[in-house]
Amino acid sequence: MTNDFKNKFCIEVMKYVEESQDSYIDAVLAVSERFGFGPEMGAKFISKPIMEKIKIEGEEINLLPKLSELPF
């Protein structure tokens, strides 16, 4: 798939989050389903900023281990 598709997918994920006030994790699942493929395929199309937001969400809901942060 092309970069145009990747951009369209990312835009759709961001729109979904804005409109539904849902998480980025749920948005990737919903948009992947809308495009007719599974979340494994959708994960290949997300941008680094969206990936970072998903990582933060995962840490907040204890799906991913939290990384140590410096106190300053």
C-alpha atoms as a PDB file:
ATOM      1  CA  MET A   1       0.000   0.000   0.000  1.00  0.00           C
ATOM      2  CA  THR A   2       1.128   3.519  -0.680  1.00  0.00           C
ATOM      3  CA  ASN A   3       1.994   6.437   1.537  1.00  0.00           C
ATOM      4  CA  ASP A   4      -1.274   8.039   0.407  1.00  0.00           C
ATOM      5  CA  PHE A   5      -3.169   5.151   1.973  1.00  0.00           C
ATOM      6  CA  LYS A   6      -1.083   5.382   5.147  1.00  0.00           C
ATOM      7  CA  ASN A   7      -1.873   9.105   5.394  1.00  0.00           C
ATOM      8  CA  LYS A   8      -5.577   8.479   4.773  1.00  0.00           C
ATOM      9  CA  PHE A   9      -5.621   5.750   7.421  1.00  0.00           C
ATOM     10  CA  CYS A  10      -3.938   8.017   9.996  1.00  0.00           C
ATOM     11  CA  ILE A  11      -6.331  10.870   9.228  1.00  0.00           C
ATOM     12  CA  GLU A  12      -9.290   8.533   9.670  1.00  0.00           C
ATOM     13  CA  VAL A  13      -7.918   7.342  13.024  1.00  0.00           C
ATOM     14  CA  MET A  14      -7.472  10.930  14.238  1.00  0.00           C
ATOM     15  CA  LYS A  15     -10.973  11.881  13.035  1.00  0.00           C
ATOM     16  CA  TYR A  16     -12.430   8.886  14.836  1.00  0.00           C
ATOM     17  CA  VAL A  17     -10.741   9.903  18.095  1.00  0.00           C
ATOM     18  CA  GLU A  18     -11.939  13.505  17.783  1.00  0.00           C
ATOM     19  CA  GLU A  19     -15.517  12.582  16.922  1.00  0.00           C
ATOM     20  CA  SER A  20     -16.007   9.699  19.358  1.00  0.00           C
ATOM     21  CA  GLN A  21     -13.709  10.843  22.188  1.00  0.00           C
ATOM     22  CA  ASP A  22     -12.541   7.231  22.225  1.00  0.00           C
ATOM     23  CA  SER A  23      -8.992   5.939  22.654  1.00  0.00           C
ATOM     24  CA  TYR A  24      -6.467   5.622  19.844  1.00  0.00           C
ATOM     25  CA  ILE A  25      -6.410   1.877  20.447  1.00  0.00           C
ATOM     26  CA  ASP A  26     -10.151   1.653  19.803  1.00  0.00           C
ATOM     27  CA  ALA A  27      -9.847   4.013  16.839  1.00  0.00           C
ATOM     28  CA  VAL A  28      -7.280   1.803  15.100  1.00  0.00           C
ATOM     29  CA  LEU A  29      -9.524  -1.211  15.659  1.00  0.00           C
ATOM     30  CA  ALA A  30     -12.612   0.573  14.314  1.00  0.00           C
ATOM     31  CA  VAL A  31     -10.899   2.132  11.295  1.00  0.00           C
ATOM     32  CA  SER A  32      -9.186  -1.149  10.430  1.00  0.00           C
ATOM     33  CA  GLU A  33     -12.563  -2.863  10.478  1.00  0.00           C
ATOM     34  CA  ARG A  34     -14.070  -0.088   8.357  1.00  0.00           C
ATOM     35  CA  PHE A  35     -11.322  -0.601   5.756  1.00  0.00           C
ATOM     36  CA  GLY A  36     -11.925  -4.341   5.819  1.00  0.00           C
ATOM     37  CA  PHE A  37      -8.822  -5.720   7.489  1.00  0.00           C
ATOM     38  CA  GLY A  38      -7.689  -6.762  10.935  1.00  0.00           C
ATOM     39  CA  PRO A  39      -5.824  -4.706  13.519  1.00  0.00           C
ATOM     40  CA  GLU A  40      -2.543  -6.460  12.674  1.00  0.00           C
ATOM     41  CA  MET A  41      -2.694  -4.931   9.193  1.00  0.00           C
ATOM     42  CA  GLY A  42      -3.907  -1.580  10.525  1.00  0.00           C
ATOM     43  CA  ALA A  43      -0.906  -1.404  12.854  1.00  0.00           C
ATOM     44  CA  LYS A  44       1.352  -1.270   9.797  1.00  0.00           C
ATOM     45  CA  PHE A  45      -0.241   1.993   8.657  1.00  0.00           C
ATOM     46  CA  ILE A  46      -0.161   4.088  11.815  1.00  0.00           C
ATOM     47  CA  SER A  47       2.248   6.980  12.097  1.00  0.00           C
ATOM     48  CA  LYS A  48       4.861   7.438  14.810  1.00  0.00           C
ATOM     49  CA  PRO A  49       2.855  10.135  16.654  1.00  0.00           C
ATOM     50  CA  ILE A  50      -0.188   7.857  16.790  1.00  0.00           C
ATOM     51  CA  MET A  51       2.004   4.940  17.863  1.00  0.00           C
ATOM     52  CA  GLU A  52       3.350   7.080  20.719  1.00  0.00           C
ATOM     53  CA  LYS A  53      -0.186   7.987  21.828  1.00  0.00           C
ATOM     54  CA  ILE A  54      -1.147   4.305  21.768  1.00  0.00           C
ATOM     55  CA  LYS A  55       1.929   3.495  23.853  1.00  0.00           C
ATOM     56  CA  ILE A  56       0.944   6.116  26.434  1.00  0.00           C
ATOM     57  CA  GLU A  57      -2.631   4.800  26.544  1.00  0.00           C
ATOM     58  CA  GLY A  58      -1.302   1.267  26.990  1.00  0.00           C
ATOM     59  CA  GLU A  59       0.854   2.349  29.916  1.00  0.00           C
ATOM     60  CA  GLU A  60      -2.050   4.220  31.532  1.00  0.00           C
ATOM     61  CA  ILE A  61      -4.331   1.172  31.447  1.00  0.00           C
ATOM     62  CA  ASN A  62      -1.503  -1.208  32.407  1.00  0.00           C
ATOM     63  CA  LEU A  63      -1.321  -3.044  29.076  1.00  0.00           C
ATOM     64  CA  LEU A  64       2.316  -1.989  28.762  1.00  0.00           C
ATOM     65  CA  PRO A  65       4.875  -1.599  31.531  1.00  0.00           C
ATOM     66  CA  LYS A  66       5.529   2.007  32.516  1.00  0.00           C
ATOM     67  CA  LEU A  67       9.010   3.228  31.863  1.00  0.00           C
ATOM     68  CA  SER A  68      10.863   4.875  34.711  1.00  0.00           C
ATOM     69  CA  GLU A  69      10.835   8.643  34.601  1.00  0.00           C
ATOM     70  CA  LEU A  70      13.406  10.987  36.054  1.00  0.00           C
ATOM     71  CA  PRO A  71      12.064  13.225  38.855  1.00  0.00           C
ATOM     72  CA  PHE A  72      12.917  16.476  37.070  1.00  0.00           C
END
